[in-house]
Amino acid sequence: MQALEMTSYYETLTEAASPLSLSVAKSFLKLTTTADDGLLFTMISAATAWGEKYTGRDFRVKTHRLYLDGFCSVIKLHRAQVSSITSIKYFVDDVLTTVDSSNYYFVKSAQFSEILLKDGKDYPTDLDNIKQGVQIEFATAAYYAQDLIIQALERHVAHWHVNRGDCSDAKDAARVSGATSIYDQFRIERI
């Protein structure tokens, strides 16, 4: 069994709404009409996605699927904070088969989580030799610093709203608005 990580691909299956609601954003911007609701909703969604990518943390509850080419002794889940492992599946003779959950456990961490084998247990060896033949489904919880996240999102969205039409990109808007300085407090640095 390999000790190194294998080629991987993450897919988001479901995600909850942004922690910044439309009503809170409108209150922050002191807007009382519904004229910009569609635009604000789009800005909130874009700012949330950008902030999650920048920090490496999920701001909202999500379900992910990780695809691997095979099993390795330590499987790292580069999402924070993992709340549960739904399933580990692999292909045998073109049939998706579930690994018994009594064979493994996972360790939570602020940076990432790991799936480890229990003593005396092994991953199946009869898996098909195909790309992305192992699928791990897991859930993440919303990051605990919701008040800070909402502040950063408010700043990010406000900058876009006030400067709409100026073609400001997400990175520049986050920096100029001060959102980045908030995100940097809990950002996971990737090497």
C-alpha atoms as a PDB file:
ATOM      1  CA  MET A   1       0.000   0.000   0.000  1.00  0.00           C
ATOM      2  CA  GLN A   2       1.319   3.420  -0.896  1.00  0.00           C
ATOM      3  CA  ALA A   3       2.150   5.991   1.787  1.00  0.00           C
ATOM      4  CA  LEU A   4       1.932   8.924  -0.616  1.00  0.00           C
ATOM      5  CA  GLU A   5      -1.166  10.744  -1.729  1.00  0.00           C
ATOM      6  CA  MET A   6      -2.454   9.844  -5.140  1.00  0.00           C
ATOM      7  CA  THR A   7      -3.955  11.963  -7.865  1.00  0.00           C
ATOM      8  CA  SER A   8      -7.202  13.363  -6.562  1.00  0.00           C
ATOM      9  CA  TYR A   9     -10.190  15.386  -7.650  1.00  0.00           C
ATOM     10  CA  TYR A  10     -12.830  16.994  -5.408  1.00  0.00           C
ATOM     11  CA  GLU A  11     -16.441  17.478  -6.443  1.00  0.00           C
ATOM     12  CA  THR A  12     -18.973  19.430  -4.380  1.00  0.00           C
ATOM     13  CA  LEU A  13     -22.267  17.549  -4.342  1.00  0.00           C
ATOM     14  CA  THR A  14     -24.403  19.830  -2.144  1.00  0.00           C
ATOM     15  CA  GLU A  15     -23.957  23.125  -0.343  1.00  0.00           C
ATOM     16  CA  ALA A  16     -26.054  25.185   2.023  1.00  0.00           C
ATOM     17  CA  ALA A  17     -26.749  28.888   1.536  1.00  0.00           C
ATOM     18  CA  SER A  18     -24.113  31.532   2.186  1.00  0.00           C
ATOM     19  CA  PRO A  19     -23.762  32.662   5.808  1.00  0.00           C
ATOM     20  CA  LEU A  20     -24.445  36.192   4.495  1.00  0.00           C
ATOM     21  CA  SER A  21     -28.157  36.420   3.819  1.00  0.00           C
ATOM     22  CA  LEU A  22     -29.690  38.812   1.334  1.00  0.00           C
ATOM     23  CA  SER A  23     -31.488  40.702   4.118  1.00  0.00           C
ATOM     24  CA  VAL A  24     -28.275  41.200   6.137  1.00  0.00           C
ATOM     25  CA  ALA A  25     -26.412  42.363   3.010  1.00  0.00           C
ATOM     26  CA  LYS A  26     -29.190  44.837   2.202  1.00  0.00           C
ATOM     27  CA  SER A  27     -29.166  46.129   5.777  1.00  0.00           C
ATOM     28  CA  PHE A  28     -25.368  46.569   5.631  1.00  0.00           C
ATOM     29  CA  LEU A  29     -25.700  48.478   2.351  1.00  0.00           C
ATOM     30  CA  LYS A  30     -28.718  50.420   3.677  1.00  0.00           C
ATOM     31  CA  LEU A  31     -30.880  49.291   0.753  1.00  0.00           C
ATOM     32  CA  THR A  32     -34.656  49.271   1.171  1.00  0.00           C
ATOM     33  CA  THR A  33     -35.846  48.362  -2.333  1.00  0.00           C
ATOM     34  CA  THR A  34     -35.814  45.017  -4.117  1.00  0.00           C
ATOM     35  CA  ALA A  35     -34.346  46.479  -7.313  1.00  0.00           C
ATOM     36  CA  ASP A  36     -30.865  45.013  -6.736  1.00  0.00           C
ATOM     37  CA  ASP A  37     -31.854  41.738  -5.070  1.00  0.00           C
ATOM     38  CA  GLY A  38     -30.848  39.545  -8.018  1.00  0.00           C
ATOM     39  CA  LEU A  39     -27.518  41.327  -8.421  1.00  0.00           C
ATOM     40  CA  LEU A  40     -26.816  41.171  -4.675  1.00  0.00           C
ATOM     41  CA  PHE A  41     -27.625  37.455  -4.552  1.00  0.00           C
ATOM     42  CA  THR A  42     -25.122  36.849  -7.365  1.00  0.00           C
ATOM     43  CA  MET A  43     -22.489  38.970  -5.588  1.00  0.00           C
ATOM     44  CA  ILE A  44     -23.064  37.120  -2.294  1.00  0.00           C
ATOM     45  CA  SER A  45     -22.674  33.752  -4.040  1.00  0.00           C
ATOM     46  CA  ALA A  46     -19.499  34.862  -5.843  1.00  0.00           C
ATOM     47  CA  ALA A  47     -17.943  36.395  -2.713  1.00  0.00           C
ATOM     48  CA  THR A  48     -18.746  33.263  -0.688  1.00  0.00           C
ATOM     49  CA  ALA A  49     -17.188  30.948  -3.272  1.00  0.00           C
ATOM     50  CA  TRP A  50     -14.126  33.187  -3.572  1.00  0.00           C
ATOM     51  CA  GLY A  51     -13.677  33.394   0.215  1.00  0.00           C
ATOM     52  CA  GLU A  52     -13.950  29.625   0.589  1.00  0.00           C
ATOM     53  CA  LYS A  53     -11.367  29.050  -2.116  1.00  0.00           C
ATOM     54  CA  TYR A  54      -9.024  31.698  -0.703  1.00  0.00           C
ATOM     55  CA  THR A  55      -9.180  30.423   2.892  1.00  0.00           C
ATOM     56  CA  GLY A  56      -9.414  26.707   2.134  1.00  0.00           C
ATOM     57  CA  ARG A  57     -12.385  26.494   4.509  1.00  0.00           C
ATOM     58  CA  ASP A  58     -16.051  25.833   3.921  1.00  0.00           C
ATOM     59  CA  PHE A  59     -18.190  28.711   5.142  1.00  0.00           C
ATOM     60  CA  ARG A  60     -21.326  26.574   4.887  1.00  0.00           C
ATOM     61  CA  VAL A  61     -22.270  22.930   5.267  1.00  0.00           C
ATOM     62  CA  LYS A  62     -21.297  20.950   2.172  1.00  0.00           C
ATOM     63  CA  THR A  63     -21.096  17.400   0.904  1.00  0.00           C
ATOM     64  CA  HIS A  64     -18.014  16.537  -1.171  1.00  0.00           C
ATOM     65  CA  ARG A  65     -16.810  13.555  -3.129  1.00  0.00           C
ATOM     66  CA  LEU A  66     -13.094  12.850  -3.404  1.00  0.00           C
ATOM     67  CA  TYR A  67     -11.929  10.706  -6.317  1.00  0.00           C
ATOM     68  CA  LEU A  68      -8.658   8.782  -5.971  1.00  0.00           C
ATOM     69  CA  ASP A  69      -6.827   6.422  -8.305  1.00  0.00           C
ATOM     70  CA  GLY A  70      -6.387   3.867  -5.522  1.00  0.00           C
ATOM     71  CA  PHE A  71      -6.045   3.413  -1.781  1.00  0.00           C
ATOM     72  CA  CYS A  72      -3.148   4.730   0.278  1.00  0.00           C
ATOM     73  CA  SER A  73      -2.367   4.191   3.956  1.00  0.00           C
ATOM     74  CA  VAL A  74      -3.267   7.788   4.921  1.00  0.00           C
ATOM     75  CA  ILE A  75      -5.973   9.598   2.982  1.00  0.00           C
ATOM     76  CA  LYS A  76      -5.912  13.346   3.538  1.00  0.00           C
ATOM     77  CA  LEU A  77      -9.096  15.324   3.055  1.00  0.00           C
ATOM     78  CA  HIS A  78      -8.054  18.853   2.157  1.00  0.00           C
ATOM     79  CA  ARG A  79     -11.255  20.488   3.314  1.00  0.00           C
ATOM     80  CA  ALA A  80     -11.890  22.046   6.708  1.00  0.00           C
ATOM     81  CA  GLN A  81     -13.697  21.142   8.874  1.00  0.00           C
ATOM     82  CA  VAL A  82     -14.743  17.592   8.002  1.00  0.00           C
ATOM     83  CA  SER A  83     -17.691  16.530  10.139  1.00  0.00           C
ATOM     84  CA  SER A  84     -18.297  12.977   8.891  1.00  0.00           C
ATOM     85  CA  ILE A  85     -17.347  10.332   6.359  1.00  0.00           C
ATOM     86  CA  THR A  86     -20.451   9.188   4.504  1.00  0.00           C
ATOM     87  CA  SER A  87     -18.863   6.366   2.531  1.00  0.00           C
ATOM     88  CA  ILE A  88     -15.733   4.996   0.906  1.00  0.00           C
ATOM     89  CA  LYS A  89     -16.459   3.142  -2.326  1.00  0.00           C
ATOM     90  CA  TYR A  90     -14.323   1.477  -4.980  1.00  0.00           C
ATOM     91  CA  PHE A  91     -14.860  -0.327  -8.258  1.00  0.00           C
ATOM     92  CA  VAL A  92     -14.601  -4.119  -8.444  1.00  0.00           C
ATOM     93  CA  ASP A  93     -15.441  -5.599 -11.849  1.00  0.00           C
ATOM     94  CA  ASP A  94     -17.115  -2.295 -12.801  1.00  0.00           C
ATOM     95  CA  VAL A  95     -19.405  -2.401  -9.748  1.00  0.00           C
ATOM     96  CA  LEU A  96     -19.164   0.324  -7.091  1.00  0.00           C
ATOM     97  CA  THR A  97     -18.620  -1.450  -3.757  1.00  0.00           C
ATOM     98  CA  THR A  98     -18.651   0.075  -0.246  1.00  0.00           C
ATOM     99  CA  VAL A  99     -15.758  -0.368   2.213  1.00  0.00           C
ATOM    100  CA  ASP A 100     -17.033  -1.448   5.631  1.00  0.00           C
ATOM    101  CA  SER A 101     -16.825   1.560   7.965  1.00  0.00           C
ATOM    102  CA  SER A 102     -15.468  -0.691  10.741  1.00  0.00           C
ATOM    103  CA  ASN A 103     -12.155  -0.807   8.813  1.00  0.00           C
ATOM    104  CA  TYR A 104     -11.303   2.886   9.154  1.00  0.00           C
ATOM    105  CA  TYR A 105     -11.692   6.017  11.238  1.00  0.00           C
ATOM    106  CA  PHE A 106     -10.948   9.676  10.670  1.00  0.00           C
ATOM    107  CA  VAL A 107      -9.038  12.272  12.606  1.00  0.00           C
ATOM    108  CA  LYS A 108     -10.250  15.876  12.584  1.00  0.00           C
ATOM    109  CA  SER A 109      -7.842  18.778  12.356  1.00  0.00           C
ATOM    110  CA  ALA A 110      -8.178  22.528  11.904  1.00  0.00           C
ATOM    111  CA  GLN A 111      -6.162  22.320   8.672  1.00  0.00           C
ATOM    112  CA  PHE A 112      -7.362  19.039   7.154  1.00  0.00           C
ATOM    113  CA  SER A 113      -8.596  15.635   8.238  1.00  0.00           C
ATOM    114  CA  GLU A 114      -7.177  12.168   7.666  1.00  0.00           C
ATOM    115  CA  ILE A 115      -8.770   8.786   7.109  1.00  0.00           C
ATOM    116  CA  LEU A 116      -6.736   6.044   8.786  1.00  0.00           C
ATOM    117  CA  LEU A 117      -7.034   2.276   8.913  1.00  0.00           C
ATOM    118  CA  LYS A 118      -7.862   0.633  12.227  1.00  0.00           C
ATOM    119  CA  ASP A 119      -5.251  -1.745  13.637  1.00  0.00           C
ATOM    120  CA  GLY A 120      -5.184  -5.028  11.760  1.00  0.00           C
ATOM    121  CA  LYS A 121      -7.401  -3.746   8.939  1.00  0.00           C
ATOM    122  CA  ASP A 122      -6.527  -3.271   5.269  1.00  0.00           C
ATOM    123  CA  TYR A 123      -8.197  -1.642   2.320  1.00  0.00           C
ATOM    124  CA  PRO A 124      -9.489  -3.996  -0.366  1.00  0.00           C
ATOM    125  CA  THR A 125      -6.915  -5.142  -2.903  1.00  0.00           C
ATOM    126  CA  ASP A 126      -9.346  -6.439  -5.528  1.00  0.00           C
ATOM    127  CA  LEU A 127     -10.192  -2.981  -6.918  1.00  0.00           C
ATOM    128  CA  ASP A 128     -10.206  -2.278 -10.641  1.00  0.00           C
ATOM    129  CA  ASN A 129      -7.053  -0.611 -11.950  1.00  0.00           C
ATOM    130  CA  ILE A 130      -8.787   2.523 -13.245  1.00  0.00           C
ATOM    131  CA  LYS A 131      -8.425   6.268 -12.803  1.00  0.00           C
ATOM    132  CA  GLN A 132     -10.639   7.646 -10.023  1.00  0.00           C
ATOM    133  CA  GLY A 133     -11.628   4.130  -9.008  1.00  0.00           C
ATOM    134  CA  VAL A 134     -12.026   5.117  -5.348  1.00  0.00           C
ATOM    135  CA  GLN A 135     -14.771   7.538  -4.263  1.00  0.00           C
ATOM    136  CA  ILE A 136     -14.954   9.019  -0.778  1.00  0.00           C
ATOM    137  CA  GLU A 137     -18.043  10.993   0.159  1.00  0.00           C
ATOM    138  CA  PHE A 138     -17.831  13.255   3.212  1.00  0.00           C
ATOM    139  CA  ALA A 139     -19.501  16.249   4.811  1.00  0.00           C
ATOM    140  CA  THR A 140     -17.986  19.457   6.078  1.00  0.00           C
ATOM    141  CA  ALA A 141     -19.394  21.758   8.727  1.00  0.00           C
ATOM    142  CA  ALA A 142     -19.601  25.517   8.423  1.00  0.00           C
ATOM    143  CA  TYR A 143     -16.453  27.167   9.756  1.00  0.00           C
ATOM    144  CA  TYR A 144     -17.002  28.319  13.319  1.00  0.00           C
ATOM    145  CA  ALA A 145     -15.943  31.992  12.832  1.00  0.00           C
ATOM    146  CA  GLN A 146     -19.269  32.920  11.225  1.00  0.00           C
ATOM    147  CA  ASP A 147     -19.289  36.509  12.557  1.00  0.00           C
ATOM    148  CA  LEU A 148     -15.895  37.196  10.957  1.00  0.00           C
ATOM    149  CA  ILE A 149     -16.939  35.496   7.735  1.00  0.00           C
ATOM    150  CA  ILE A 150     -20.088  37.611   7.530  1.00  0.00           C
ATOM    151  CA  GLN A 151     -18.048  40.798   8.097  1.00  0.00           C
ATOM    152  CA  ALA A 152     -15.643  39.851   5.314  1.00  0.00           C
ATOM    153  CA  LEU A 153     -18.466  38.947   2.947  1.00  0.00           C
ATOM    154  CA  GLU A 154     -20.276  42.227   3.711  1.00  0.00           C
ATOM    155  CA  ARG A 155     -17.151  44.195   2.831  1.00  0.00           C
ATOM    156  CA  HIS A 156     -16.520  42.192  -0.323  1.00  0.00           C
ATOM    157  CA  VAL A 157     -20.110  42.525  -1.575  1.00  0.00           C
ATOM    158  CA  ALA A 158     -20.293  46.223  -0.607  1.00  0.00           C
ATOM    159  CA  HIS A 159     -17.169  46.978  -2.635  1.00  0.00           C
ATOM    160  CA  TRP A 160     -18.608  45.252  -5.679  1.00  0.00           C
ATOM    161  CA  HIS A 161     -21.989  46.914  -5.241  1.00  0.00           C
ATOM    162  CA  VAL A 162     -20.590  50.438  -4.857  1.00  0.00           C
ATOM    163  CA  ASN A 163     -18.055  49.978  -7.664  1.00  0.00           C
ATOM    164  CA  ARG A 164     -20.181  47.947 -10.077  1.00  0.00           C
ATOM    165  CA  GLY A 165     -19.281  48.554 -13.659  1.00  0.00           C
ATOM    166  CA  ASP A 166     -15.616  49.134 -12.771  1.00  0.00           C
ATOM    167  CA  CYS A 167     -14.651  45.546 -13.696  1.00  0.00           C
ATOM    168  CA  SER A 168     -13.046  44.884 -10.320  1.00  0.00           C
ATOM    169  CA  ASP A 169     -11.985  41.256 -10.026  1.00  0.00           C
ATOM    170  CA  ALA A 170     -12.717  39.215  -6.881  1.00  0.00           C
ATOM    171  CA  LYS A 171      -9.139  39.202  -5.596  1.00  0.00           C
ATOM    172  CA  ASP A 172      -8.725  42.962  -5.944  1.00  0.00           C
ATOM    173  CA  ALA A 173     -12.176  43.620  -4.455  1.00  0.00           C
ATOM    174  CA  ALA A 174     -11.382  41.408  -1.456  1.00  0.00           C
ATOM    175  CA  ARG A 175      -8.072  43.180  -0.862  1.00  0.00           C
ATOM    176  CA  VAL A 176      -9.348  46.754  -1.301  1.00  0.00           C
ATOM    177  CA  SER A 177     -12.477  46.151   0.781  1.00  0.00           C
ATOM    178  CA  GLY A 178     -10.517  44.689   3.703  1.00  0.00           C
ATOM    179  CA  ALA A 179     -12.112  41.249   3.372  1.00  0.00           C
ATOM    180  CA  THR A 180      -8.721  39.631   2.764  1.00  0.00           C
ATOM    181  CA  SER A 181      -7.348  40.944   6.062  1.00  0.00           C
ATOM    182  CA  ILE A 182     -10.204  39.164   7.837  1.00  0.00           C
ATOM    183  CA  TYR A 183      -9.821  35.958   5.798  1.00  0.00           C
ATOM    184  CA  ASP A 184      -6.078  35.878   6.498  1.00  0.00           C
ATOM    185  CA  GLN A 185      -6.849  35.250  10.205  1.00  0.00           C
ATOM    186  CA  PHE A 186      -8.062  31.727   9.449  1.00  0.00           C
ATOM    187  CA  ARG A 187      -6.642  30.939   6.028  1.00  0.00           C
ATOM    188  CA  ILE A 188      -5.071  27.523   5.487  1.00  0.00           C
ATOM    189  CA  GLU A 189      -1.744  27.989   3.720  1.00  0.00           C
ATOM    190  CA  ARG A 190      -1.139  25.449   0.991  1.00  0.00           C
ATOM    191  CA  ILE A 191       2.430  24.482   0.227  1.00  0.00           C
END
